[in-house]
Amino acid sequence: MKQIVIACAALLAVSPAFAQSSATTPANDASPKAGASSTTSPGTKTTATPNTANPAKPGQPASTVSSKEFVTKAAQSDMFEIQSSQLVDQSGVKDASTKSFAQKMIEDHTKTSNELKQTLREDKAEQNLPSSMSKSQQKMLNRLKGLRGEALGAQYRRDQLDVHQKAVNLFQAYANTGDNEALKAWAAKTLPALEQHLQMAKQLRNN
């Protein structure tokens, strides 16, 4: 009996030290693993794989344009340019710069419209030209028809920025990715003139 009492007393004396040692030893699952990185500690870098996707930004040309889409949109763009510019040229718009720009658009886009037709004929490309402009372009034209004087000129100048930016994007895209060599060469040849038109439209809008 005396031996049991002595043993219990010894166990009680050791227990506080054992408990203290256990409390100060970090748990195994809390220790950082080799090679792991922290995303929460200040100054540390994450190991997340960066996103390599590169979506087109607003205003940039699309990555690919089919021949059918290119021919349709190029022809419709010419239609809108010619008809909207004729409307301004024949109206009571007094701003000389706007009327001069409209006259140049009639001349240049009549030329590109004829060149597109000729390219398709010579290449014997099976591409049907559209008989009318797009719904959005027709809506823009109808809006112009309902305006007079400086209101017409101001709206025309705003429209020219939008339509020429889209035209430049279209021709850039097809010149880079087109699958018809004749149309691709024509797009590349025509692009500088469209870029010039866009710069002229920007200057006209800022006047």
Protein backbone atom coordinates (compact mmCIF):
# COMPACT_ATOMS: atom_id res chain seq x y z
CA MET A 1 0.00 0.00 0.00
CA LYS A 2 2.84 2.36 0.84
CA GLN A 3 4.43 1.66 -2.56
CA ILE A 4 1.18 2.59 -4.39
CA VAL A 5 0.96 5.94 -2.54
CA ILE A 6 4.58 6.76 -3.45
CA ALA A 7 3.95 5.95 -7.12
CA CYS A 8 0.87 8.18 -7.27
CA ALA A 9 2.76 11.06 -5.72
CA ALA A 10 5.52 10.73 -8.32
CA LEU A 11 2.98 10.71 -11.17
CA LEU A 12 1.34 13.90 -9.88
CA ALA A 13 4.68 15.65 -9.74
CA VAL A 14 5.50 14.84 -13.38
CA SER A 15 2.04 15.73 -14.88
CA PRO A 16 2.33 19.63 -14.85
CA ALA A 17 5.64 19.51 -16.69
CA PHE A 18 4.26 17.09 -19.28
CA ALA A 19 1.19 19.28 -19.82
CA GLN A 20 3.33 22.40 -20.30
CA SER A 21 5.56 20.63 -22.82
CA SER A 22 2.53 19.49 -24.85
CA ALA A 23 1.04 23.00 -24.95
CA THR A 24 4.20 24.57 -26.39
CA THR A 25 4.79 21.96 -29.09
CA PRO A 26 3.02 22.95 -32.41
CA ALA A 27 0.65 20.43 -33.90
CA ASN A 28 1.92 18.54 -36.93
CA ASP A 29 -0.95 19.63 -39.23
CA ALA A 30 -0.33 23.32 -38.42
CA SER A 31 3.26 23.26 -39.65
CA PRO A 32 3.82 24.61 -43.19
CA LYS A 33 4.69 21.96 -45.71
CA ALA A 34 7.82 22.15 -47.77
CA GLY A 35 7.32 23.98 -51.05
CA ALA A 36 3.94 25.45 -50.06
CA SER A 37 3.32 29.18 -50.40
CA SER A 38 1.04 31.39 -48.39
CA THR A 39 -1.50 33.69 -50.01
CA THR A 40 -2.42 35.47 -46.79
CA SER A 41 0.89 36.51 -45.22
CA PRO A 42 2.04 40.02 -46.22
CA GLY A 43 4.93 40.06 -48.70
CA THR A 44 4.56 36.46 -49.83
CA LYS A 45 3.87 35.51 -53.44
CA THR A 46 1.15 33.21 -54.60
CA THR A 47 1.83 30.23 -56.80
CA ALA A 48 -1.46 30.50 -58.68
CA THR A 49 -1.10 29.93 -62.43
CA PRO A 50 -1.65 33.21 -64.31
CA ASN A 51 -4.52 33.49 -66.77
CA THR A 52 -3.02 33.24 -70.24
CA ALA A 53 -6.23 34.07 -72.08
CA ASN A 54 -6.01 37.22 -74.20
CA PRO A 55 -9.50 38.38 -75.12
CA ALA A 56 -9.84 41.18 -77.64
CA LYS A 57 -10.17 44.63 -76.11
CA PRO A 58 -12.87 47.11 -77.20
CA GLY A 59 -11.86 48.77 -80.38
CA GLN A 60 -9.48 46.01 -81.49
CA PRO A 61 -10.17 43.95 -84.60
CA ALA A 62 -11.65 40.49 -84.22
CA SER A 63 -9.19 37.60 -84.49
CA THR A 64 -10.83 36.06 -87.56
CA VAL A 65 -13.36 37.19 -90.16
CA SER A 66 -14.87 34.89 -92.77
CA SER A 67 -14.91 35.94 -96.42
CA LYS A 68 -18.70 36.01 -96.44
CA GLU A 69 -18.83 38.28 -93.38
CA PHE A 70 -16.14 40.55 -94.77
CA VAL A 71 -17.80 41.02 -98.17
CA THR A 72 -21.21 41.63 -96.60
CA LYS A 73 -20.01 44.16 -94.04
CA ALA A 74 -17.67 45.96 -96.46
CA ALA A 75 -20.46 46.39 -99.01
CA GLN A 76 -22.96 47.53 -96.37
CA SER A 77 -20.46 50.02 -94.99
CA ASP A 78 -20.07 51.54 -98.45
CA MET A 79 -23.86 51.75 -98.81
CA PHE A 80 -24.24 53.64 -95.57
CA GLU A 81 -21.34 55.97 -96.30
CA ILE A 82 -22.63 56.88 -99.74
CA GLN A 83 -26.27 57.39 -98.77
CA SER A 84 -25.64 59.24 -95.49
CA SER A 85 -23.05 61.49 -97.15
CA GLN A 86 -25.37 62.24 -100.07
CA LEU A 87 -28.02 63.25 -97.55
CA VAL A 88 -25.64 65.72 -95.89
CA ASP A 89 -24.28 67.04 -99.18
CA GLN A 90 -27.75 67.75 -100.52
CA SER A 91 -29.16 69.17 -97.28
CA GLY A 92 -28.96 72.58 -95.66
CA VAL A 93 -25.85 71.78 -93.60
CA LYS A 94 -23.81 74.99 -93.69
CA ASP A 95 -20.56 73.76 -92.16
CA ALA A 96 -18.08 73.72 -95.07
CA SER A 97 -15.79 71.10 -93.48
CA THR A 98 -18.68 68.69 -92.96
CA LYS A 99 -19.93 69.09 -96.53
CA SER A 100 -16.40 68.68 -97.92
CA PHE A 101 -15.92 65.51 -95.88
CA ALA A 102 -19.28 64.15 -97.07
CA GLN A 103 -18.32 64.76 -100.71
CA LYS A 104 -15.04 62.90 -100.22
CA MET A 105 -16.88 59.97 -98.62
CA ILE A 106 -19.22 59.74 -101.62
CA GLU A 107 -16.27 59.69 -104.00
CA ASP A 108 -14.04 57.30 -102.02
CA HIS A 109 -16.72 54.80 -101.02
CA THR A 110 -18.17 54.67 -104.52
CA LYS A 111 -14.65 53.75 -105.62
CA THR A 112 -14.20 51.01 -102.98
CA SER A 113 -17.66 49.64 -103.74
CA ASN A 114 -16.73 49.27 -107.42
CA GLU A 115 -13.34 47.79 -106.53
CA LEU A 116 -14.98 45.15 -104.33
CA LYS A 117 -17.32 44.13 -107.14
CA GLN A 118 -14.43 43.97 -109.59
CA THR A 119 -12.31 41.88 -107.20
CA LEU A 120 -15.11 39.37 -106.78
CA ARG A 121 -15.62 39.13 -110.54
CA GLU A 122 -11.93 38.67 -111.32
CA ASP A 123 -11.44 36.11 -108.58
CA LYS A 124 -14.70 34.37 -109.47
CA ALA A 125 -15.46 34.27 -105.78
CA GLU A 126 -18.82 32.83 -104.87
CA GLN A 127 -19.81 35.73 -102.65
CA ASN A 128 -23.18 37.41 -102.98
CA LEU A 129 -23.24 41.14 -102.36
CA PRO A 130 -26.00 42.32 -100.00
CA SER A 131 -28.89 44.26 -101.48
CA SER A 132 -29.34 46.48 -98.42
CA MET A 133 -27.42 47.80 -95.44
CA SER A 134 -27.72 46.29 -91.95
CA LYS A 135 -30.66 47.07 -89.69
CA SER A 136 -28.51 49.20 -87.40
CA GLN A 137 -27.16 51.18 -90.35
CA GLN A 138 -30.65 51.70 -91.74
CA LYS A 139 -31.75 52.94 -88.33
CA MET A 140 -28.86 55.42 -88.29
CA LEU A 141 -29.75 56.62 -91.79
CA ASN A 142 -33.42 57.04 -90.86
CA ARG A 143 -32.38 59.11 -87.84
CA LEU A 144 -30.31 61.38 -90.08
CA LYS A 145 -33.26 61.79 -92.47
CA GLY A 146 -35.33 63.18 -89.59
CA LEU A 147 -32.83 65.95 -88.83
CA ARG A 148 -32.16 69.32 -90.42
CA GLY A 149 -29.39 71.89 -90.45
CA GLU A 150 -26.70 71.76 -87.80
CA ALA A 151 -28.48 68.96 -85.93
CA LEU A 152 -28.02 66.81 -89.03
CA GLY A 153 -24.37 67.79 -89.37
CA ALA A 154 -23.63 67.07 -85.72
CA GLN A 155 -25.23 63.61 -85.83
CA TYR A 156 -23.49 62.80 -89.11
CA ARG A 157 -20.10 63.65 -87.58
CA ARG A 158 -20.81 61.41 -84.58
CA ASP A 159 -21.86 58.53 -86.83
CA GLN A 160 -18.71 58.83 -88.93
CA LEU A 161 -16.48 58.08 -85.96
CA ASP A 162 -18.41 54.91 -85.19
CA VAL A 163 -18.74 53.53 -88.71
CA HIS A 164 -15.15 54.24 -89.69
CA GLN A 165 -13.74 52.66 -86.55
CA LYS A 166 -15.74 49.53 -87.32
CA ALA A 167 -14.58 49.60 -90.95
CA VAL A 168 -10.93 49.88 -89.93
CA ASN A 169 -11.32 46.98 -87.50
CA LEU A 170 -13.00 44.85 -90.17
CA PHE A 171 -10.37 45.48 -92.84
CA GLN A 172 -7.51 44.99 -90.36
CA ALA A 173 -8.91 41.65 -89.29
CA TYR A 174 -9.47 40.34 -92.79
CA ALA A 175 -6.12 41.62 -94.07
CA ASN A 176 -4.50 39.56 -91.28
CA THR A 177 -6.65 36.43 -91.25
CA GLY A 178 -8.63 36.28 -94.51
CA ASP A 179 -8.75 33.00 -96.43
CA ASN A 180 -9.25 34.51 -99.91
CA GLU A 181 -5.96 35.91 -101.20
CA ALA A 182 -7.53 38.36 -103.67
CA LEU A 183 -9.89 39.82 -101.06
CA LYS A 184 -7.13 39.80 -98.46
CA ALA A 185 -4.84 41.82 -100.75
CA TRP A 186 -7.66 44.28 -101.52
CA ALA A 187 -8.41 44.71 -97.79
CA ALA A 188 -4.74 45.50 -97.10
CA LYS A 189 -4.60 47.97 -100.02
CA THR A 190 -7.82 49.74 -98.93
CA LEU A 191 -7.02 49.91 -95.21
CA PRO A 192 -4.78 53.04 -95.31
CA ALA A 193 -7.57 55.08 -96.92
CA LEU A 194 -10.03 53.98 -94.24
CA GLU A 195 -7.54 54.87 -91.51
CA GLN A 196 -7.20 58.30 -93.10
CA HIS A 197 -11.00 58.65 -93.12
CA LEU A 198 -11.07 57.79 -89.42
CA GLN A 199 -8.49 60.45 -88.60
CA MET A 200 -10.43 62.98 -90.67
CA ALA A 201 -13.64 62.05 -88.83
CA LYS A 202 -11.90 62.57 -85.47
CA GLN A 203 -10.66 66.00 -86.52
CA LEU A 204 -14.07 66.92 -87.90
CA ARG A 205 -15.75 65.86 -84.65
CA ASN A 206 -13.35 67.98 -82.59
CA ASN A 207 -13.84 71.13 -84.68
